[in-house]
Amino acid sequence: MKAFRFRKSSYSATASECVEVARNIPRTVAVRDSKRLDGPVLLLAPAAWDAFQETLGRQS
């Protein structure tokens, strides 16, 4: 497996459940559940991740 460097959102408290995102691999955005570090990893194209984030921003 590639060496993803996952980061939690700055909006997350240290004990909160959230997703973690890694963007250190070219042309790939990796997303995982912070509670399941050895669990599945969702791989997305950067354009798909950007569209997802844009959609979330419109809902607030």
N, C-alpha and C. Protein backbone atom coordinates (compact mmCIF):
# COMPACT_ATOMS: atom_id res chain seq x y z
N MET A 1 0.84 -1.19 0.00
CA MET A 1 0.00 0.00 0.00
C MET A 1 0.88 1.24 0.00
N LYS A 2 0.39 2.27 -0.64
CA LYS A 2 1.13 3.52 -0.70
C LYS A 2 1.20 4.16 0.68
N ALA A 3 2.19 4.99 0.89
CA ALA A 3 2.40 5.63 2.19
C ALA A 3 1.58 6.92 2.28
N PHE A 4 0.30 6.77 2.50
CA PHE A 4 -0.55 7.94 2.66
C PHE A 4 -0.24 8.61 3.99
N ARG A 5 -0.23 9.93 4.00
CA ARG A 5 -0.08 10.70 5.23
C ARG A 5 -1.43 11.36 5.53
N PHE A 6 -2.19 10.72 6.39
CA PHE A 6 -3.54 11.18 6.69
C PHE A 6 -3.52 12.32 7.71
N ARG A 7 -4.49 13.23 7.55
CA ARG A 7 -4.65 14.36 8.47
C ARG A 7 -6.13 14.49 8.80
N LYS A 8 -6.39 14.82 10.06
CA LYS A 8 -7.76 15.12 10.47
C LYS A 8 -8.07 16.57 10.16
N SER A 9 -9.32 16.85 10.04
CA SER A 9 -9.77 18.22 9.82
C SER A 9 -9.43 19.08 11.04
N SER A 10 -9.14 20.33 10.80
CA SER A 10 -8.88 21.25 11.91
C SER A 10 -10.16 21.51 12.71
N TYR A 11 -11.33 21.16 12.15
CA TYR A 11 -12.60 21.31 12.84
C TYR A 11 -12.86 20.17 13.83
N SER A 12 -12.05 19.13 13.82
CA SER A 12 -12.27 17.96 14.66
C SER A 12 -11.59 18.12 16.01
N ALA A 13 -12.29 17.73 17.05
CA ALA A 13 -11.67 17.62 18.36
C ALA A 13 -10.87 16.32 18.38
N THR A 14 -9.90 16.22 19.25
CA THR A 14 -9.04 15.03 19.26
C THR A 14 -9.81 13.75 19.57
N ALA A 15 -10.88 13.81 20.34
CA ALA A 15 -11.65 12.61 20.68
C ALA A 15 -12.83 12.38 19.74
N SER A 16 -13.06 13.28 18.82
CA SER A 16 -14.22 13.16 17.94
C SER A 16 -14.00 12.15 16.83
N GLU A 17 -15.10 11.64 16.35
CA GLU A 17 -15.06 10.73 15.21
C GLU A 17 -15.14 11.56 13.94
N CYS A 18 -14.29 11.27 13.00
CA CYS A 18 -14.31 12.03 11.76
C CYS A 18 -13.59 11.24 10.67
N VAL A 19 -13.51 11.82 9.52
CA VAL A 19 -12.72 11.23 8.46
C VAL A 19 -11.35 11.88 8.44
N GLU A 20 -10.40 11.17 7.87
CA GLU A 20 -9.06 11.69 7.66
C GLU A 20 -8.79 11.67 6.17
N VAL A 21 -8.02 12.63 5.71
CA VAL A 21 -7.75 12.78 4.28
C VAL A 21 -6.25 12.85 4.05
N ALA A 22 -5.79 12.19 3.00
CA ALA A 22 -4.38 12.25 2.58
C ALA A 22 -4.33 12.75 1.14
N ARG A 23 -3.48 13.74 0.92
CA ARG A 23 -3.34 14.29 -0.44
C ARG A 23 -1.88 14.30 -0.88
N ASN A 24 -1.07 13.46 -0.27
CA ASN A 24 0.37 13.47 -0.56
C ASN A 24 0.77 12.59 -1.75
N ILE A 25 -0.15 11.84 -2.32
CA ILE A 25 0.14 11.00 -3.48
C ILE A 25 -0.42 11.72 -4.72
N PRO A 26 0.37 11.93 -5.75
CA PRO A 26 -0.12 12.64 -6.94
C PRO A 26 -1.37 12.00 -7.54
N ARG A 27 -2.31 12.84 -7.96
CA ARG A 27 -3.54 12.43 -8.63
C ARG A 27 -4.44 11.53 -7.78
N THR A 28 -4.27 11.57 -6.46
CA THR A 28 -5.07 10.71 -5.58
C THR A 28 -5.42 11.46 -4.29
N VAL A 29 -6.67 11.34 -3.87
CA VAL A 29 -7.09 11.79 -2.55
C VAL A 29 -7.60 10.55 -1.83
N ALA A 30 -7.01 10.23 -0.69
CA ALA A 30 -7.40 9.07 0.09
C ALA A 30 -8.20 9.53 1.30
N VAL A 31 -9.30 8.82 1.59
CA VAL A 31 -10.18 9.16 2.70
C VAL A 31 -10.41 7.90 3.53
N ARG A 32 -10.35 8.06 4.86
CA ARG A 32 -10.61 6.90 5.73
C ARG A 32 -11.32 7.37 7.00
N ASP A 33 -11.88 6.42 7.72
CA ASP A 33 -12.56 6.65 8.99
C ASP A 33 -11.49 6.74 10.09
N SER A 34 -11.52 7.79 10.88
CA SER A 34 -10.51 7.97 11.92
C SER A 34 -10.59 6.92 13.01
N LYS A 35 -11.74 6.24 13.14
CA LYS A 35 -11.88 5.19 14.15
C LYS A 35 -11.35 3.85 13.67
N ARG A 36 -11.16 3.70 12.36
CA ARG A 36 -10.74 2.42 11.79
C ARG A 36 -9.49 2.63 10.95
N LEU A 37 -8.38 2.86 11.60
CA LEU A 37 -7.14 3.17 10.91
C LEU A 37 -6.68 2.06 9.98
N ASP A 38 -7.04 0.83 10.29
CA ASP A 38 -6.67 -0.30 9.42
C ASP A 38 -7.83 -0.70 8.51
N GLY A 39 -8.88 0.09 8.50
CA GLY A 39 -10.06 -0.21 7.69
C GLY A 39 -9.87 0.20 6.24
N PRO A 40 -10.94 0.18 5.49
CA PRO A 40 -10.86 0.50 4.06
C PRO A 40 -10.51 1.97 3.83
N VAL A 41 -9.89 2.22 2.68
CA VAL A 41 -9.52 3.57 2.26
C VAL A 41 -10.22 3.84 0.93
N LEU A 42 -10.91 4.95 0.87
CA LEU A 42 -11.58 5.38 -0.35
C LEU A 42 -10.61 6.25 -1.14
N LEU A 43 -10.37 5.89 -2.41
CA LEU A 43 -9.47 6.65 -3.27
C LEU A 43 -10.29 7.44 -4.28
N LEU A 44 -10.02 8.73 -4.36
CA LEU A 44 -10.76 9.62 -5.24
C LEU A 44 -9.81 10.40 -6.13
N ALA A 45 -10.32 10.82 -7.28
CA ALA A 45 -9.59 11.77 -8.11
C ALA A 45 -9.70 13.14 -7.43
N PRO A 46 -8.66 13.96 -7.51
CA PRO A 46 -8.73 15.28 -6.88
C PRO A 46 -9.95 16.09 -7.32
N ALA A 47 -10.36 16.01 -8.58
CA ALA A 47 -11.53 16.76 -9.04
C ALA A 47 -12.80 16.29 -8.33
N ALA A 48 -12.93 15.00 -8.07
CA ALA A 48 -14.09 14.47 -7.36
C ALA A 48 -14.10 14.97 -5.92
N TRP A 49 -12.96 14.99 -5.27
CA TRP A 49 -12.86 15.48 -3.89
C TRP A 49 -13.20 16.97 -3.83
N ASP A 50 -12.70 17.74 -4.78
CA ASP A 50 -12.98 19.17 -4.81
C ASP A 50 -14.47 19.43 -5.01
N ALA A 51 -15.11 18.66 -5.88
CA ALA A 51 -16.55 18.81 -6.10
C ALA A 51 -17.34 18.44 -4.84
N PHE A 52 -16.91 17.41 -4.14
CA PHE A 52 -17.55 17.01 -2.88
C PHE A 52 -17.45 18.14 -1.86
N GLN A 53 -16.28 18.70 -1.70
CA GLN A 53 -16.08 19.79 -0.74
C GLN A 53 -16.91 21.02 -1.13
N GLU A 54 -16.97 21.31 -2.39
CA GLU A 54 -17.76 22.46 -2.85
C GLU A 54 -19.24 22.25 -2.54
N THR A 55 -19.73 21.04 -2.73
CA THR A 55 -21.13 20.73 -2.43
C THR A 55 -21.40 20.89 -0.94
N LEU A 56 -20.50 20.45 -0.09
CA LEU A 56 -20.69 20.61 1.36
C LEU A 56 -20.73 22.08 1.75
N GLY A 57 -19.89 22.88 1.12
CA GLY A 57 -19.85 24.30 1.43
C GLY A 57 -21.14 25.02 1.09
N ARG A 58 -21.85 24.55 0.09
CA ARG A 58 -23.10 25.17 -0.34
C ARG A 58 -24.25 24.84 0.60
N GLN A 59 -24.11 23.80 1.43
CA GLN A 59 -25.21 23.37 2.27
C GLN A 59 -25.25 24.08 3.61
N SER A 60 -24.27 24.89 3.91
CA SER A 60 -24.26 25.54 5.21
C SER A 60 -25.09 26.81 5.24
